[in-house]
Amino acid sequence: MTAAAAKKTAAKPTTTKTAPEATETEEVTKVSPIKRSTRTVLEIDLDGTMYTGEIDMEGNEEALKELDEVAKQWDAAQKAYAEVNVKFMEKLEEIGLRPERPKTTTGGPSQSKLIRRWARRIELEVNEQGKIPAYIVEKYEAAKKRGELNENEK
């Protein structure tokens, strides 16, 4: 996992949103990769795999506390991994090793074109030219692994 991927899982501030099927506003607290609402909705995003569902808060308080603790440990581990990974890559380059550059291919749309086509289909904003933001590339790769791409996006 890269430092950018580790950053995407960092704890985020509390937000307020209105649930589509509810008439009142619910508060969603994002802890680690976990988002929990007062309506007992739990969403966990682990490296592109989304776990969702409604749970009964009554009787699950202890398990949810434990889940929060594990999520905090997970965040700390991801941060530590990112830091070690950067040091490791620096040492590799220090001794003269460089990452391989992807080979270019001909005879079909470029990877960038496929990603842009997919991003537009799912209504993500992406420029016609230039670097594609890492979070879009990561979402594309996750969708590709799950088999969610159309034939003209592969």
Protein backbone atom coordinates (compact mmCIF):
# COMPACT_ATOMS: atom_id res chain seq x y z
CA MET A 1 0.00 0.00 0.00
CA THR A 2 1.30 3.45 -0.81
CA ALA A 3 1.39 6.50 1.42
CA ALA A 4 -1.52 7.91 -0.61
CA ALA A 5 -3.59 4.80 0.08
CA ALA A 6 -2.75 5.01 3.76
CA LYS A 7 -3.86 8.66 3.84
CA LYS A 8 -7.28 7.79 2.43
CA THR A 9 -8.01 5.66 5.47
CA ALA A 10 -7.03 8.27 8.05
CA ALA A 11 -9.62 9.41 10.58
CA LYS A 12 -11.92 12.10 9.26
CA PRO A 13 -13.86 14.80 11.12
CA THR A 14 -17.47 14.41 12.19
CA THR A 15 -20.04 15.38 9.57
CA THR A 16 -23.79 15.80 9.54
CA LYS A 17 -26.02 14.53 6.74
CA THR A 18 -29.65 13.73 6.13
CA ALA A 19 -30.54 10.11 5.47
CA PRO A 20 -32.61 9.69 2.29
CA GLU A 21 -35.32 7.66 4.03
CA ALA A 22 -35.32 9.69 7.25
CA THR A 23 -36.90 13.06 7.90
CA GLU A 24 -34.44 14.06 10.59
CA THR A 25 -30.75 14.81 10.38
CA GLU A 26 -28.39 12.12 11.54
CA GLU A 27 -24.86 12.62 12.76
CA VAL A 28 -22.19 10.42 11.23
CA THR A 29 -18.90 10.02 13.04
CA LYS A 30 -15.99 8.79 10.95
CA VAL A 31 -13.52 6.88 13.06
CA SER A 32 -10.69 5.17 11.21
CA PRO A 33 -12.36 3.61 8.17
CA ILE A 34 -15.61 3.28 10.15
CA LYS A 35 -18.65 5.54 9.79
CA ARG A 36 -21.40 5.04 12.36
CA SER A 37 -24.68 6.90 12.63
CA THR A 38 -27.22 7.22 15.39
CA ARG A 39 -29.58 5.20 13.13
CA THR A 40 -27.43 2.07 13.59
CA VAL A 41 -25.96 2.18 10.09
CA LEU A 42 -22.39 0.95 9.94
CA GLU A 43 -20.14 1.36 6.90
CA ILE A 44 -16.55 0.17 6.75
CA ASP A 45 -14.30 0.80 3.76
CA LEU A 46 -11.25 -1.46 3.75
CA ASP A 47 -9.05 -0.83 0.74
CA GLY A 48 -11.97 -0.47 -1.65
CA THR A 49 -14.15 -3.22 -0.21
CA MET A 50 -17.25 -1.73 1.42
CA TYR A 51 -18.96 -3.52 4.31
CA THR A 52 -22.37 -2.02 5.10
CA GLY A 53 -25.44 -2.87 7.09
CA GLU A 54 -27.83 -1.90 9.83
CA ILE A 55 -27.10 -3.24 13.27
CA ASP A 56 -28.89 -3.25 16.59
CA MET A 57 -26.95 -0.94 18.89
CA GLU A 58 -28.53 -2.51 21.97
CA GLY A 59 -26.47 -5.47 23.02
CA ASN A 60 -23.62 -4.60 20.62
CA GLU A 61 -22.07 -1.71 22.54
CA GLU A 62 -19.05 -3.72 23.70
CA ALA A 63 -18.44 -5.22 20.26
CA LEU A 64 -18.63 -1.76 18.69
CA LYS A 65 -16.15 -0.38 21.23
CA GLU A 66 -13.81 -3.24 20.40
CA LEU A 67 -14.31 -2.57 16.69
CA ASP A 68 -13.39 1.09 17.24
CA GLU A 69 -10.20 0.04 19.07
CA VAL A 70 -9.24 -2.39 16.31
CA ALA A 71 -9.92 0.33 13.71
CA LYS A 72 -7.62 2.73 15.57
CA GLN A 73 -4.92 0.05 15.61
CA TRP A 74 -5.52 -0.53 11.89
CA ASP A 75 -5.03 3.19 11.20
CA ALA A 76 -1.82 3.23 13.24
CA ALA A 77 -0.54 0.16 11.38
CA GLN A 78 -1.36 1.73 8.01
CA LYS A 79 0.48 4.91 8.98
CA ALA A 80 3.49 2.94 10.24
CA TYR A 81 3.50 0.87 7.04
CA ALA A 82 3.44 4.00 4.89
CA GLU A 83 6.35 5.49 6.82
CA VAL A 84 8.43 2.30 6.58
CA ASN A 85 7.55 1.94 2.91
CA VAL A 86 8.87 5.44 2.16
CA LYS A 87 12.12 4.70 4.04
CA PHE A 88 12.45 1.38 2.19
CA MET A 89 12.01 3.02 -1.22
CA GLU A 90 14.52 5.74 -0.27
CA LYS A 91 17.10 3.06 0.65
CA LEU A 92 16.50 1.21 -2.61
CA GLU A 93 17.10 4.39 -4.58
CA GLU A 94 20.11 5.21 -2.41
CA ILE A 95 21.83 2.01 -3.58
CA GLY A 96 20.93 2.67 -7.19
CA LEU A 97 17.71 0.73 -7.71
CA ARG A 98 14.87 2.53 -9.47
CA PRO A 99 11.25 1.53 -10.00
CA GLU A 100 10.46 0.10 -13.41
CA ARG A 101 8.43 2.35 -15.63
CA PRO A 102 5.39 0.74 -17.23
CA LYS A 103 5.89 -0.20 -20.83
CA THR A 104 3.69 1.62 -23.30
CA THR A 105 1.44 -0.38 -25.56
CA THR A 106 -0.22 0.39 -28.87
CA GLY A 107 -3.40 -0.80 -30.48
CA GLY A 108 -6.15 0.28 -28.14
CA PRO A 109 -7.26 2.99 -25.77
CA SER A 110 -4.72 4.01 -23.14
CA GLN A 111 -5.29 3.16 -19.51
CA SER A 112 -5.97 6.86 -18.86
CA LYS A 113 -8.73 6.94 -21.46
CA LEU A 114 -10.35 3.86 -19.94
CA ILE A 115 -10.21 5.33 -16.45
CA ARG A 116 -11.64 8.66 -17.66
CA ARG A 117 -14.45 6.85 -19.51
CA TRP A 118 -15.32 4.87 -16.39
CA ALA A 119 -15.08 7.94 -14.10
CA ARG A 120 -17.47 9.92 -16.31
CA ARG A 121 -19.95 7.03 -16.36
CA ILE A 122 -20.13 6.98 -12.58
CA GLU A 123 -20.21 10.80 -12.52
CA LEU A 124 -16.78 11.50 -11.06
CA GLU A 125 -15.19 14.75 -12.19
CA VAL A 126 -12.06 14.10 -14.24
CA ASN A 127 -10.14 16.38 -16.62
CA GLU A 128 -9.72 15.56 -20.31
CA GLN A 129 -5.93 15.73 -19.98
CA GLY A 130 -3.29 15.60 -17.31
CA LYS A 131 -2.75 13.45 -14.27
CA ILE A 132 -5.74 11.52 -12.99
CA PRO A 133 -6.12 11.89 -9.20
CA ALA A 134 -4.90 8.83 -7.29
CA TYR A 135 -8.24 8.29 -5.55
CA ILE A 136 -9.97 7.90 -8.95
CA VAL A 137 -7.35 5.41 -10.14
CA GLU A 138 -7.74 3.46 -6.87
CA LYS A 139 -11.54 3.39 -7.25
CA TYR A 140 -11.16 2.24 -10.88
CA GLU A 141 -8.81 -0.59 -9.86
CA ALA A 142 -11.20 -1.67 -7.09
CA ALA A 143 -14.15 -1.64 -9.51
CA LYS A 144 -12.07 -3.63 -11.99
CA LYS A 145 -11.31 -6.28 -9.33
CA ARG A 146 -15.00 -6.53 -8.48
CA GLY A 147 -15.89 -6.92 -12.18
CA GLU A 148 -17.94 -3.72 -12.31
CA LEU A 149 -16.48 -2.29 -15.54
CA ASN A 150 -18.28 -2.18 -18.86
CA GLU A 151 -16.57 -3.85 -21.82
CA ASN A 152 -15.37 -0.48 -23.20
CA GLU A 153 -13.74 0.39 -19.83
CA LYS A 154 -11.41 -2.64 -19.54
